[in-house]
Amino acid sequence: MASQQKLNLGRLLFKRLHREMQTTINSKEKLVDTPAFRYIVSQFKEHQVTSQKLCKGQNEVIMVGQTYLCMLESLRKAEELAQRYKTTERTVQESANLVGLQVPSSSSVDNK
């Protein structure tokens, strides 16, 4: 039963990694052609749980996969936040207008 749970956890982790990586690649590029995805697939195949072979560090492999997934999700969310709150630098006039002030014109300062 424990090996079945780990197998299901591995499948769920692989699906989430696949989905997250799919959002990060260029739309013209295929996910299966990326080196990162091929590496992840090879690691999952190498460390899969079967009745004949048990990976020594099953929990370690799952933890590494979860850490990688967390990193991918965090990078995506950070990029979304950066795009959402990205601002351009304002001029002095625009900044003054934001708080209801007016900047004196240069001609009125020269006259005094």
PDB file of N, CA and C in Angstrom:
ATOM      1  N   MET A   1       0.822  -1.196   0.000  1.00  0.00           N
ATOM      2  CA  MET A   1       0.000   0.000   0.000  1.00  0.00           C
ATOM      3  C   MET A   1       0.867   1.262   0.000  1.00  0.00           C
ATOM      4  N   ALA A   2       1.972   1.237   0.740  1.00  0.00           N
ATOM      5  CA  ALA A   2       2.844   2.405   0.821  1.00  0.00           C
ATOM      6  C   ALA A   2       3.474   2.712  -0.531  1.00  0.00           C
ATOM      7  N   SER A   3       3.830   1.648  -1.267  1.00  0.00           N
ATOM      8  CA  SER A   3       4.433   1.889  -2.581  1.00  0.00           C
ATOM      9  C   SER A   3       3.395   2.457  -3.552  1.00  0.00           C
ATOM     10  N   GLN A   4       2.129   2.083  -3.400  1.00  0.00           N
ATOM     11  CA  GLN A   4       1.066   2.631  -4.249  1.00  0.00           C
ATOM     12  C   GLN A   4       0.880   4.114  -3.972  1.00  0.00           C
ATOM     13  N   GLN A   5       0.957   4.524  -2.713  1.00  0.00           N
ATOM     14  CA  GLN A   5       0.836   5.940  -2.366  1.00  0.00           C
ATOM     15  C   GLN A   5       1.994   6.741  -2.963  1.00  0.00           C
ATOM     16  N   LYS A   6       3.190   6.199  -2.869  1.00  0.00           N
ATOM     17  CA  LYS A   6       4.347   6.886  -3.438  1.00  0.00           C
ATOM     18  C   LYS A   6       4.241   6.969  -4.950  1.00  0.00           C
ATOM     19  N   LEU A   7       3.685   5.932  -5.576  1.00  0.00           N
ATOM     20  CA  LEU A   7       3.493   5.944  -7.018  1.00  0.00           C
ATOM     21  C   LEU A   7       2.496   7.032  -7.406  1.00  0.00           C
ATOM     22  N   ASN A   8       1.399   7.134  -6.660  1.00  0.00           N
ATOM     23  CA  ASN A   8       0.409   8.176  -6.931  1.00  0.00           C
ATOM     24  C   ASN A   8       0.982   9.560  -6.684  1.00  0.00           C
ATOM     25  N   LEU A   9       1.777   9.704  -5.618  1.00  0.00           N
ATOM     26  CA  LEU A   9       2.425  10.979  -5.322  1.00  0.00           C
ATOM     27  C   LEU A   9       3.382  11.365  -6.445  1.00  0.00           C
ATOM     28  N   GLY A  10       4.104  10.385  -6.964  1.00  0.00           N
ATOM     29  CA  GLY A  10       5.011  10.631  -8.078  1.00  0.00           C
ATOM     30  C   GLY A  10       4.271  11.063  -9.333  1.00  0.00           C
ATOM     31  N   ARG A  11       3.149  10.415  -9.616  1.00  0.00           N
ATOM     32  CA  ARG A  11       2.346  10.792 -10.789  1.00  0.00           C
ATOM     33  C   ARG A  11       1.809  12.210 -10.658  1.00  0.00           C
ATOM     34  N   LEU A  12       1.284  12.535  -9.483  1.00  0.00           N
ATOM     35  CA  LEU A  12       0.747  13.870  -9.242  1.00  0.00           C
ATOM     36  C   LEU A  12       1.850  14.919  -9.378  1.00  0.00           C
ATOM     37  N   LEU A  13       3.010  14.628  -8.810  1.00  0.00           N
ATOM     38  CA  LEU A  13       4.142  15.543  -8.894  1.00  0.00           C
ATOM     39  C   LEU A  13       4.574  15.744 -10.346  1.00  0.00           C
ATOM     40  N   PHE A  14       4.620  14.657 -11.117  1.00  0.00           N
ATOM     41  CA  PHE A  14       5.008  14.756 -12.525  1.00  0.00           C
ATOM     42  C   PHE A  14       3.998  15.602 -13.304  1.00  0.00           C
ATOM     43  N   LYS A  15       2.711  15.391 -13.063  1.00  0.00           N
ATOM     44  CA  LYS A  15       1.682  16.177 -13.755  1.00  0.00           C
ATOM     45  C   LYS A  15       1.807  17.656 -13.433  1.00  0.00           C
ATOM     46  N   ARG A  16       2.045  17.973 -12.158  1.00  0.00           N
ATOM     47  CA  ARG A  16       2.175  19.383 -11.759  1.00  0.00           C
ATOM     48  C   ARG A  16       3.424  20.012 -12.367  1.00  0.00           C
ATOM     49  N   LEU A  17       4.533  19.264 -12.382  1.00  0.00           N
ATOM     50  CA  LEU A  17       5.755  19.763 -13.023  1.00  0.00           C
ATOM     51  C   LEU A  17       5.515  19.991 -14.514  1.00  0.00           C
ATOM     52  N   HIS A  18       4.852  19.059 -15.152  1.00  0.00           N
ATOM     53  CA  HIS A  18       4.544  19.181 -16.578  1.00  0.00           C
ATOM     54  C   HIS A  18       3.713  20.427 -16.839  1.00  0.00           C
ATOM     55  N   ARG A  19       2.680  20.634 -16.053  1.00  0.00           N
ATOM     56  CA  ARG A  19       1.801  21.790 -16.232  1.00  0.00           C
ATOM     57  C   ARG A  19       2.560  23.096 -16.003  1.00  0.00           C
ATOM     58  N   GLU A  20       3.378  23.135 -14.973  1.00  0.00           N
ATOM     59  CA  GLU A  20       4.125  24.358 -14.648  1.00  0.00           C
ATOM     60  C   GLU A  20       5.159  24.667 -15.727  1.00  0.00           C
ATOM     61  N   MET A  21       5.841  23.638 -16.203  1.00  0.00           N
ATOM     62  CA  MET A  21       6.840  23.858 -17.243  1.00  0.00           C
ATOM     63  C   MET A  21       6.177  24.258 -18.555  1.00  0.00           C
ATOM     64  N   GLN A  22       4.983  23.754 -18.811  1.00  0.00           N
ATOM     65  CA  GLN A  22       4.254  24.100 -20.029  1.00  0.00           C
ATOM     66  C   GLN A  22       3.959  25.594 -20.073  1.00  0.00           C
ATOM     67  N   THR A  23       3.704  26.203 -18.913  1.00  0.00           N
ATOM     68  CA  THR A  23       3.396  27.630 -18.881  1.00  0.00           C
ATOM     69  C   THR A  23       4.634  28.497 -19.087  1.00  0.00           C
ATOM     70  N   THR A  24       5.808  27.944 -18.853  1.00  0.00           N
ATOM     71  CA  THR A  24       7.021  28.758 -18.925  1.00  0.00           C
ATOM     72  C   THR A  24       7.709  28.724 -20.282  1.00  0.00           C
ATOM     73  N   ILE A  25       7.360  27.772 -21.145  1.00  0.00           N
ATOM     74  CA  ILE A  25       8.085  27.667 -22.409  1.00  0.00           C
ATOM     75  C   ILE A  25       7.478  28.570 -23.466  1.00  0.00           C
ATOM     76  N   ASN A  26       8.255  28.822 -24.489  1.00  0.00           N
ATOM     77  CA  ASN A  26       7.826  29.599 -25.648  1.00  0.00           C
ATOM     78  C   ASN A  26       6.719  28.829 -26.366  1.00  0.00           C
ATOM     79  N   SER A  27       5.710  29.514 -26.849  1.00  0.00           N
ATOM     80  CA  SER A  27       4.586  28.836 -27.497  1.00  0.00           C
ATOM     81  C   SER A  27       4.993  28.107 -28.776  1.00  0.00           C
ATOM     82  N   LYS A  28       6.090  28.506 -29.405  1.00  0.00           N
ATOM     83  CA  LYS A  28       6.561  27.849 -30.622  1.00  0.00           C
ATOM     84  C   LYS A  28       7.350  26.584 -30.315  1.00  0.00           C
ATOM     85  N   GLU A  29       7.766  26.431 -29.077  1.00  0.00           N
ATOM     86  CA  GLU A  29       8.617  25.319 -28.681  1.00  0.00           C
ATOM     87  C   GLU A  29       7.772  24.197 -28.073  1.00  0.00           C
ATOM     88  N   LYS A  30       8.183  22.962 -28.311  1.00  0.00           N
ATOM     89  CA  LYS A  30       7.501  21.825 -27.707  1.00  0.00           C
ATOM     90  C   LYS A  30       8.181  21.494 -26.388  1.00  0.00           C
ATOM     91  N   LEU A  31       7.371  21.174 -25.389  1.00  0.00           N
ATOM     92  CA  LEU A  31       7.918  20.877 -24.063  1.00  0.00           C
ATOM     93  C   LEU A  31       8.822  19.654 -24.100  1.00  0.00           C
ATOM     94  N   VAL A  32       8.450  18.646 -24.871  1.00  0.00           N
ATOM     95  CA  VAL A  32       9.248  17.419 -24.904  1.00  0.00           C
ATOM     96  C   VAL A  32      10.625  17.640 -25.511  1.00  0.00           C
ATOM     97  N   ASP A  33      10.820  18.751 -26.216  1.00  0.00           N
ATOM     98  CA  ASP A  33      12.119  19.040 -26.832  1.00  0.00           C
ATOM     99  C   ASP A  33      13.060  19.809 -25.906  1.00  0.00           C
ATOM    100  N   THR A  34      12.562  20.266 -24.771  1.00  0.00           N
ATOM    101  CA  THR A  34      13.409  21.050 -23.871  1.00  0.00           C
ATOM    102  C   THR A  34      14.299  20.131 -23.046  1.00  0.00           C
ATOM    103  N   PRO A  35      15.545  20.522 -22.841  1.00  0.00           N
ATOM    104  CA  PRO A  35      16.463  19.692 -22.052  1.00  0.00           C
ATOM    105  C   PRO A  35      15.988  19.493 -20.607  1.00  0.00           C
ATOM    106  N   ALA A  36      15.392  20.510 -20.018  1.00  0.00           N
ATOM    107  CA  ALA A  36      14.940  20.387 -18.625  1.00  0.00           C
ATOM    108  C   ALA A  36      13.859  19.325 -18.493  1.00  0.00           C
ATOM    109  N   PHE A  37      12.910  19.317 -19.422  1.00  0.00           N
ATOM    110  CA  PHE A  37      11.836  18.332 -19.347  1.00  0.00           C
ATOM    111  C   PHE A  37      12.365  16.927 -19.603  1.00  0.00           C
ATOM    112  N   ARG A  38      13.277  16.791 -20.564  1.00  0.00           N
ATOM    113  CA  ARG A  38      13.861  15.473 -20.823  1.00  0.00           C
ATOM    114  C   ARG A  38      14.612  14.958 -19.596  1.00  0.00           C
ATOM    115  N   TYR A  39      15.288  15.868 -18.892  1.00  0.00           N
ATOM    116  CA  TYR A  39      15.999  15.464 -17.670  1.00  0.00           C
ATOM    117  C   TYR A  39      15.015  14.984 -16.610  1.00  0.00           C
ATOM    118  N   ILE A  40      13.923  15.718 -16.437  1.00  0.00           N
ATOM    119  CA  ILE A  40      12.921  15.333 -15.430  1.00  0.00           C
ATOM    120  C   ILE A  40      12.326  13.971 -15.773  1.00  0.00           C
ATOM    121  N   VAL A  41      12.008  13.749 -17.034  1.00  0.00           N
ATOM    122  CA  VAL A  41      11.457  12.455 -17.452  1.00  0.00           C
ATOM    123  C   VAL A  41      12.456  11.345 -17.163  1.00  0.00           C
ATOM    124  N   SER A  42      13.730  11.585 -17.483  1.00  0.00           N
ATOM    125  CA  SER A  42      14.741  10.546 -17.242  1.00  0.00           C
ATOM    126  C   SER A  42      14.877  10.251 -15.750  1.00  0.00           C
ATOM    127  N   GLN A  43      14.779  11.283 -14.912  1.00  0.00           N
ATOM    128  CA  GLN A  43      14.878  11.073 -13.469  1.00  0.00           C
ATOM    129  C   GLN A  43      13.681  10.293 -12.941  1.00  0.00           C
ATOM    130  N   PHE A  44      12.503  10.597 -13.444  1.00  0.00           N
ATOM    131  CA  PHE A  44      11.324   9.849 -13.019  1.00  0.00           C
ATOM    132  C   PHE A  44      11.418   8.389 -13.457  1.00  0.00           C
ATOM    133  N   LYS A  45      11.897   8.152 -14.667  1.00  0.00           N
ATOM    134  CA  LYS A  45      12.039   6.772 -15.140  1.00  0.00           C
ATOM    135  C   LYS A  45      13.100   6.026 -14.344  1.00  0.00           C
ATOM    136  N   GLU A  46      14.186   6.712 -14.050  1.00  0.00           N
ATOM    137  CA  GLU A  46      15.294   6.084 -13.329  1.00  0.00           C
ATOM    138  C   GLU A  46      14.915   5.724 -11.894  1.00  0.00           C
ATOM    139  N   HIS A  47      14.064   6.531 -11.278  1.00  0.00           N
ATOM    140  CA  HIS A  47      13.732   6.325  -9.873  1.00  0.00           C
ATOM    141  C   HIS A  47      12.312   5.819  -9.652  1.00  0.00           C
ATOM    142  N   GLN A  48      11.713   5.244 -10.692  1.00  0.00           N
ATOM    143  CA  GLN A  48      10.351   4.758 -10.505  1.00  0.00           C
ATOM    144  C   GLN A  48      10.335   3.540  -9.585  1.00  0.00           C
ATOM    145  N   VAL A  49       9.240   3.382  -8.890  1.00  0.00           N
ATOM    146  CA  VAL A  49       9.086   2.271  -7.954  1.00  0.00           C
ATOM    147  C   VAL A  49       8.429   1.118  -8.694  1.00  0.00           C
ATOM    148  N   THR A  50       9.079  -0.018  -8.675  1.00  0.00           N
ATOM    149  CA  THR A  50       8.500  -1.226  -9.255  1.00  0.00           C
ATOM    150  C   THR A  50       8.608  -2.339  -8.238  1.00  0.00           C
ATOM    151  N   SER A  51       8.024  -3.477  -8.552  1.00  0.00           N
ATOM    152  CA  SER A  51       8.102  -4.591  -7.616  1.00  0.00           C
ATOM    153  C   SER A  51       9.508  -5.189  -7.585  1.00  0.00           C
ATOM    154  N   GLN A  52      10.276  -5.064  -8.690  1.00  0.00           N
ATOM    155  CA  GLN A  52      11.621  -5.630  -8.718  1.00  0.00           C
ATOM    156  C   GLN A  52      12.667  -4.685  -8.132  1.00  0.00           C
ATOM    157  N   LYS A  53      12.461  -3.389  -8.256  1.00  0.00           N
ATOM    158  CA  LYS A  53      13.507  -2.438  -7.878  1.00  0.00           C
ATOM    159  C   LYS A  53      12.897  -1.311  -7.054  1.00  0.00           C
ATOM    160  N   LEU A  54      13.499  -1.026  -5.949  1.00  0.00           N
ATOM    161  CA  LEU A  54      13.081   0.109  -5.138  1.00  0.00           C
ATOM    162  C   LEU A  54      14.222   1.102  -5.087  1.00  0.00           C
ATOM    163  N   CYS A  55      13.899   2.331  -5.311  1.00  0.00           N
ATOM    164  CA  CYS A  55      14.907   3.384  -5.252  1.00  0.00           C
ATOM    165  C   CYS A  55      15.359   3.552  -3.811  1.00  0.00           C
ATOM    166  N   LYS A  56      16.647   3.715  -3.594  1.00  0.00           N
ATOM    167  CA  LYS A  56      17.154   3.898  -2.237  1.00  0.00           C
ATOM    168  C   LYS A  56      16.581   5.152  -1.592  1.00  0.00           C
ATOM    169  N   GLY A  57      16.580   6.215  -2.332  1.00  0.00           N
ATOM    170  CA  GLY A  57      16.131   7.474  -1.764  1.00  0.00           C
ATOM    171  C   GLY A  57      14.810   7.929  -2.348  1.00  0.00           C
ATOM    172  N   GLN A  58      13.790   7.103  -2.252  1.00  0.00           N
ATOM    173  CA  GLN A  58      12.494   7.463  -2.832  1.00  0.00           C
ATOM    174  C   GLN A  58      12.005   8.796  -2.288  1.00  0.00           C
ATOM    175  N   ASN A  59      12.081   8.942  -1.000  1.00  0.00           N
ATOM    176  CA  ASN A  59      11.609  10.185  -0.393  1.00  0.00           C
ATOM    177  C   ASN A  59      12.462  11.372  -0.836  1.00  0.00           C
ATOM    178  N   GLU A  60      13.749  11.133  -1.010  1.00  0.00           N
ATOM    179  CA  GLU A  60      14.636  12.203  -1.444  1.00  0.00           C
ATOM    180  C   GLU A  60      14.293  12.650  -2.863  1.00  0.00           C
ATOM    181  N   VAL A  61      13.997  11.717  -3.732  1.00  0.00           N
ATOM    182  CA  VAL A  61      13.658  12.049  -5.115  1.00  0.00           C
ATOM    183  C   VAL A  61      12.360  12.848  -5.153  1.00  0.00           C
ATOM    184  N   ILE A  62      11.372  12.432  -4.379  1.00  0.00           N
ATOM    185  CA  ILE A  62      10.104  13.166  -4.312  1.00  0.00           C
ATOM    186  C   ILE A  62      10.349  14.574  -3.775  1.00  0.00           C
ATOM    187  N   MET A  63      11.186  14.696  -2.761  1.00  0.00           N
ATOM    188  CA  MET A  63      11.468  15.999  -2.177  1.00  0.00           C
ATOM    189  C   MET A  63      12.170  16.915  -3.191  1.00  0.00           C
ATOM    190  N   VAL A  64      13.104  16.384  -3.952  1.00  0.00           N
ATOM    191  CA  VAL A  64      13.791  17.177  -4.972  1.00  0.00           C
ATOM    192  C   VAL A  64      12.785  17.640  -6.022  1.00  0.00           C
ATOM    193  N   GLY A  65      11.894  16.746  -6.429  1.00  0.00           N
ATOM    194  CA  GLY A  65      10.866  17.118  -7.398  1.00  0.00           C
ATOM    195  C   GLY A  65       9.948  18.196  -6.863  1.00  0.00           C
ATOM    196  N   GLN A  66       9.543  18.082  -5.601  1.00  0.00           N
ATOM    197  CA  GLN A  66       8.677  19.091  -4.993  1.00  0.00           C
ATOM    198  C   GLN A  66       9.395  20.424  -4.859  1.00  0.00           C
ATOM    199  N   THR A  67      10.675  20.383  -4.550  1.00  0.00           N
ATOM    200  CA  THR A  67      11.458  21.609  -4.447  1.00  0.00           C
ATOM    201  C   THR A  67      11.563  22.297  -5.810  1.00  0.00           C
ATOM    202  N   TYR A  68      11.776  21.512  -6.848  1.00  0.00           N
ATOM    203  CA  TYR A  68      11.860  22.062  -8.197  1.00  0.00           C
ATOM    204  C   TYR A  68      10.516  22.658  -8.607  1.00  0.00           C
ATOM    205  N   LEU A  69       9.426  21.976  -8.271  1.00  0.00           N
ATOM    206  CA  LEU A  69       8.096  22.491  -8.576  1.00  0.00           C
ATOM    207  C   LEU A  69       7.847  23.806  -7.847  1.00  0.00           C
ATOM    208  N   CYS A  70       8.232  23.864  -6.584  1.00  0.00           N
ATOM    209  CA  CYS A  70       8.067  25.092  -5.797  1.00  0.00           C
ATOM    210  C   CYS A  70       8.852  26.241  -6.426  1.00  0.00           C
ATOM    211  N   MET A  71      10.063  25.944  -6.889  1.00  0.00           N
ATOM    212  CA  MET A  71      10.875  26.977  -7.524  1.00  0.00           C
ATOM    213  C   MET A  71      10.215  27.486  -8.804  1.00  0.00           C
ATOM    214  N   LEU A  72       9.710  26.581  -9.625  1.00  0.00           N
ATOM    215  CA  LEU A  72       9.057  26.984 -10.871  1.00  0.00           C
ATOM    216  C   LEU A  72       7.818  27.831 -10.605  1.00  0.00           C
ATOM    217  N   GLU A  73       6.997  27.399  -9.639  1.00  0.00           N
ATOM    218  CA  GLU A  73       5.795  28.160  -9.302  1.00  0.00           C
ATOM    219  C   GLU A  73       6.160  29.535  -8.759  1.00  0.00           C
ATOM    220  N   SER A  74       7.174  29.591  -7.921  1.00  0.00           N
ATOM    221  CA  SER A  74       7.587  30.863  -7.328  1.00  0.00           C
ATOM    222  C   SER A  74       8.131  31.820  -8.373  1.00  0.00           C
ATOM    223  N   LEU A  75       8.910  31.307  -9.312  1.00  0.00           N
ATOM    224  CA  LEU A  75       9.429  32.150 -10.387  1.00  0.00           C
ATOM    225  C   LEU A  75       8.297  32.714 -11.237  1.00  0.00           C
ATOM    226  N   ARG A  76       7.315  31.868 -11.551  1.00  0.00           N
ATOM    227  CA  ARG A  76       6.182  32.331 -12.352  1.00  0.00           C
ATOM    228  C   ARG A  76       5.394  33.398 -11.612  1.00  0.00           C
ATOM    229  N   LYS A  77       5.129  33.166 -10.331  1.00  0.00           N
ATOM    230  CA  LYS A  77       4.358  34.134  -9.545  1.00  0.00           C
ATOM    231  C   LYS A  77       5.120  35.447  -9.367  1.00  0.00           C
ATOM    232  N   ALA A  78       6.433  35.364  -9.183  1.00  0.00           N
ATOM    233  CA  ALA A  78       7.239  36.585  -9.047  1.00  0.00           C
ATOM    234  C   ALA A  78       7.213  37.391 -10.337  1.00  0.00           C
ATOM    235  N   GLU A  79       7.278  36.700 -11.467  1.00  0.00           N
ATOM    236  CA  GLU A  79       7.211  37.392 -12.757  1.00  0.00           C
ATOM    237  C   GLU A  79       5.850  38.041 -12.962  1.00  0.00           C
ATOM    238  N   GLU A  80       4.774  37.337 -12.556  1.00  0.00           N
ATOM    239  CA  GLU A  80       3.430  37.910 -12.664  1.00  0.00           C
ATOM    240  C   GLU A  80       3.308  39.172 -11.808  1.00  0.00           C
ATOM    241  N   LEU A  81       3.841  39.117 -10.588  1.00  0.00           N
ATOM    242  CA  LEU A  81       3.793  40.288  -9.707  1.00  0.00           C
ATOM    243  C   LEU A  81       4.618  41.443 -10.271  1.00  0.00           C
ATOM    244  N   ALA A  82       5.787  41.116 -10.810  1.00  0.00           N
ATOM    245  CA  ALA A  82       6.632  42.165 -11.382  1.00  0.00           C
ATOM    246  C   ALA A  82       5.930  42.839 -12.559  1.00  0.00           C
ATOM    247  N   GLN A  83       5.262  42.054 -13.394  1.00  0.00           N
ATOM    248  CA  GLN A  83       4.538  42.628 -14.525  1.00  0.00           C
ATOM    249  C   GLN A  83       3.326  43.437 -14.064  1.00  0.00           C
ATOM    250  N   ARG A  84       2.673  42.956 -13.039  1.00  0.00           N
ATOM    251  CA  ARG A  84       1.467  43.633 -12.548  1.00  0.00           C
ATOM    252  C   ARG A  84       1.793  44.994 -11.941  1.00  0.00           C
ATOM    253  N   TYR A  85       2.860  45.054 -11.184  1.00  0.00           N
ATOM    254  CA  TYR A  85       3.201  46.284 -10.480  1.00  0.00           C
ATOM    255  C   TYR A  85       4.333  47.062 -11.137  1.00  0.00           C
ATOM    256  N   LYS A  86       4.650  46.714 -12.363  1.00  0.00           N
ATOM    257  CA  LYS A  86       5.712  47.417 -13.084  1.00  0.00           C
ATOM    258  C   LYS A  86       5.254  48.847 -13.359  1.00  0.00           C
ATOM    259  N   THR A  87       6.088  49.790 -13.005  1.00  0.00           N
ATOM    260  CA  THR A  87       5.743  51.195 -13.228  1.00  0.00           C
ATOM    261  C   THR A  87       6.851  51.852 -14.022  1.00  0.00           C
ATOM    262  N   THR A  88       6.479  52.951 -14.633  1.00  0.00           N
ATOM    263  CA  THR A  88       7.476  53.755 -15.327  1.00  0.00           C
ATOM    264  C   THR A  88       7.784  54.958 -14.446  1.00  0.00           C
ATOM    265  N   GLU A  89       8.930  55.513 -14.631  1.00  0.00           N
ATOM    266  CA  GLU A  89       9.314  56.665 -13.825  1.00  0.00           C
ATOM    267  C   GLU A  89       8.501  57.883 -14.268  1.00  0.00           C
ATOM    268  N   ARG A  90       7.986  58.595 -13.301  1.00  0.00           N
ATOM    269  CA  ARG A  90       7.160  59.769 -13.590  1.00  0.00           C
ATOM    270  C   ARG A  90       8.010  61.033 -13.592  1.00  0.00           C
ATOM    271  N   THR A  91       7.518  62.012 -14.303  1.00  0.00           N
ATOM    272  CA  THR A  91       8.177  63.309 -14.285  1.00  0.00           C
ATOM    273  C   THR A  91       7.792  64.028 -12.994  1.00  0.00           C
ATOM    274  N   VAL A  92       8.488  65.113 -12.693  1.00  0.00           N
ATOM    275  CA  VAL A  92       8.188  65.901 -11.499  1.00  0.00           C
ATOM    276  C   VAL A  92       6.763  66.445 -11.593  1.00  0.00           C
ATOM    277  N   GLN A  93       6.378  66.884 -12.780  1.00  0.00           N
ATOM    278  CA  GLN A  93       5.032  67.425 -12.997  1.00  0.00           C
ATOM    279  C   GLN A  93       3.963  66.356 -12.711  1.00  0.00           C
ATOM    280  N   GLU A  94       4.157  65.144 -13.215  1.00  0.00           N
ATOM    281  CA  GLU A  94       3.195  64.066 -12.995  1.00  0.00           C
ATOM    282  C   GLU A  94       3.116  63.691 -11.522  1.00  0.00           C
ATOM    283  N   SER A  95       4.257  63.640 -10.850  1.00  0.00           N
ATOM    284  CA  SER A  95       4.269  63.317  -9.419  1.00  0.00           C
ATOM    285  C   SER A  95       3.560  64.383  -8.609  1.00  0.00           C
ATOM    286  N   ALA A  96       3.775  65.637  -8.936  1.00  0.00           N
ATOM    287  CA  ALA A  96       3.103  66.728  -8.231  1.00  0.00           C
ATOM    288  C   ALA A  96       1.601  66.662  -8.459  1.00  0.00           C
ATOM    289  N   ASN A  97       1.183  66.378  -9.671  1.00  0.00           N
ATOM    290  CA  ASN A  97      -0.237  66.269  -9.968  1.00  0.00           C
ATOM    291  C   ASN A  97      -0.902  65.142  -9.195  1.00  0.00           C
ATOM    292  N   LEU A  98      -0.174  64.067  -8.919  1.00  0.00           N
ATOM    293  CA  LEU A  98      -0.736  62.941  -8.168  1.00  0.00           C
ATOM    294  C   LEU A  98      -1.182  63.360  -6.769  1.00  0.00           C
ATOM    295  N   VAL A  99      -0.453  64.265  -6.144  1.00  0.00           N
ATOM    296  CA  VAL A  99      -0.787  64.693  -4.783  1.00  0.00           C
ATOM    297  C   VAL A  99      -1.496  66.046  -4.750  1.00  0.00           C
ATOM    298  N   GLY A 100      -1.869  66.555  -5.913  1.00  0.00           N
ATOM    299  CA  GLY A 100      -2.647  67.787  -5.969  1.00  0.00           C
ATOM    300  C   GLY A 100      -1.839  69.065  -5.904  1.00  0.00           C
ATOM    301  N   LEU A 101      -0.582  69.009  -6.239  1.00  0.00           N
ATOM    302  CA  LEU A 101       0.272  70.199  -6.242  1.00  0.00           C
ATOM    303  C   LEU A 101       0.555  70.625  -7.669  1.00  0.00           C
ATOM    304  N   GLN A 102       0.958  71.864  -7.807  1.00  0.00           N
ATOM    305  CA  GLN A 102       1.353  72.355  -9.116  1.00  0.00           C
ATOM    306  C   GLN A 102       2.798  72.835  -9.044  1.00  0.00           C
ATOM    307  N   VAL A 103       3.562  72.472 -10.027  1.00  0.00           N
ATOM    308  CA  VAL A 103       4.955  72.893 -10.101  1.00  0.00           C
ATOM    309  C   VAL A 103       4.973  74.248 -10.792  1.00  0.00           C
ATOM    310  N   PRO A 104       5.660  75.204 -10.216  1.00  0.00           N
ATOM    311  CA  PRO A 104       5.721  76.523 -10.864  1.00  0.00           C
ATOM    312  C   PRO A 104       6.431  76.411 -12.207  1.00  0.00           C
ATOM    313  N   SER A 105       5.960  77.192 -13.158  1.00  0.00           N
ATOM    314  CA  SER A 105       6.586  77.173 -14.471  1.00  0.00           C
ATOM    315  C   SER A 105       7.920  77.892 -14.391  1.00  0.00           C
ATOM    316  N   SER A 106       8.806  77.613 -15.299  1.00  0.00           N
ATOM    317  CA  SER A 106      10.138  78.214 -15.275  1.00  0.00           C
ATOM    318  C   SER A 106      10.074  79.714 -15.602  1.00  0.00           C
ATOM    319  N   SER A 107       9.089  80.143 -16.370  1.00  0.00           N
ATOM    320  CA  SER A 107       8.997  81.560 -16.715  1.00  0.00           C
ATOM    321  C   SER A 107       8.587  82.402 -15.504  1.00  0.00           C
ATOM    322  N   SER A 108       7.746  81.838 -14.611  1.00  0.00           N
ATOM    323  CA  SER A 108       7.331  82.605 -13.433  1.00  0.00           C
ATOM    324  C   SER A 108       8.470  82.691 -12.418  1.00  0.00           C
ATOM    325  N   VAL A 109       9.352  81.721 -12.396  1.00  0.00           N
ATOM    326  CA  VAL A 109      10.491  81.738 -11.480  1.00  0.00           C
ATOM    327  C   VAL A 109      11.524  82.737 -11.981  1.00  0.00           C
ATOM    328  N   ASP A 110      11.702  82.854 -13.294  1.00  0.00           N
ATOM    329  CA  ASP A 110      12.675  83.787 -13.877  1.00  0.00           C
ATOM    330  C   ASP A 110      12.274  85.245 -13.653  1.00  0.00           C
ATOM    331  N   ASN A 111      10.967  85.522 -13.629  1.00  0.00           N
ATOM    332  CA  ASN A 111      10.473  86.891 -13.474  1.00  0.00           C
ATOM    333  C   ASN A 111      10.717  87.449 -12.061  1.00  0.00           C
ATOM    334  N   LYS A 112      10.871  86.616 -11.103  1.00  0.00           N
ATOM    335  CA  LYS A 112      11.018  87.081  -9.720  1.00  0.00           C
ATOM    336  C   LYS A 112      12.406  87.356  -9.347  1.00  0.00           C
TER     337      LYS A 112
END
